[in-house]
Protein backbone atom coordinates (compact mmCIF):
# COMPACT_ATOMS: atom_id res chain seq x y z
CA UNK A 1 0.46 -0.33 0.45
CA UNK A 2 1.00 3.25 -0.91
CA UNK A 3 1.10 6.33 0.97
CA UNK A 4 -0.69 10.02 0.02
CA UNK A 5 2.61 11.08 0.76
CA UNK A 6 3.72 9.18 -2.29
CA UNK A 7 0.95 9.64 -4.73
CA UNK A 8 1.48 13.73 -4.06
CA UNK A 9 4.92 13.45 -4.98
CA UNK A 10 3.94 11.87 -8.20
CA UNK A 11 1.65 14.62 -9.29
CA UNK A 12 3.81 17.77 -8.05
CA UNK A 13 5.60 18.68 -10.76
CA UNK A 14 2.21 18.55 -12.99
CA UNK A 15 1.52 20.93 -10.55
CA UNK A 16 3.68 23.24 -10.80
CA UNK A 17 3.69 24.37 -15.01
CA UNK A 18 4.49 27.57 -15.16
CA UNK A 19 3.32 28.48 -11.78
CA UNK A 20 5.01 31.83 -9.33
CA UNK A 21 7.30 30.28 -6.91
CA UNK A 22 4.84 31.66 -4.52
CA UNK A 23 2.71 30.00 -5.85
CA UNK A 24 4.13 26.50 -5.07
CA UNK A 25 5.34 26.95 -2.38
CA UNK A 26 1.65 26.87 -1.31
CA UNK A 27 0.75 24.04 -3.05
CA UNK A 28 3.61 21.97 -1.13
CA UNK A 29 2.81 23.25 2.49
CA UNK A 30 -1.01 22.14 1.04
CA UNK A 31 -0.72 18.83 0.21
CA UNK A 32 1.37 18.15 2.68
CA UNK A 33 4.13 15.85 1.72
CA UNK A 34 6.77 13.44 3.99
CA UNK A 35 10.07 12.46 3.26
CA UNK A 36 9.90 10.35 5.87
CA UNK A 37 6.43 8.20 4.22
CA UNK A 38 8.23 8.03 0.07
CA UNK A 39 11.09 6.78 2.06
CA UNK A 40 10.05 3.56 3.06
CA UNK A 41 9.18 2.08 0.10
CA UNK A 42 12.58 2.15 -1.40
CA UNK A 43 13.14 -0.85 1.25
CA UNK A 44 10.92 -3.57 -0.22
């Protein structure tokens, strides 16, 4: 089972296309990527 942070990280390039830096920071804060969850996928 994949954590939600992994899915959010995968869609990030599509979300930030043609956005300003301030908008990108808001998007990153709102989707709440937890890198510890994403890192666990490499253990399998």
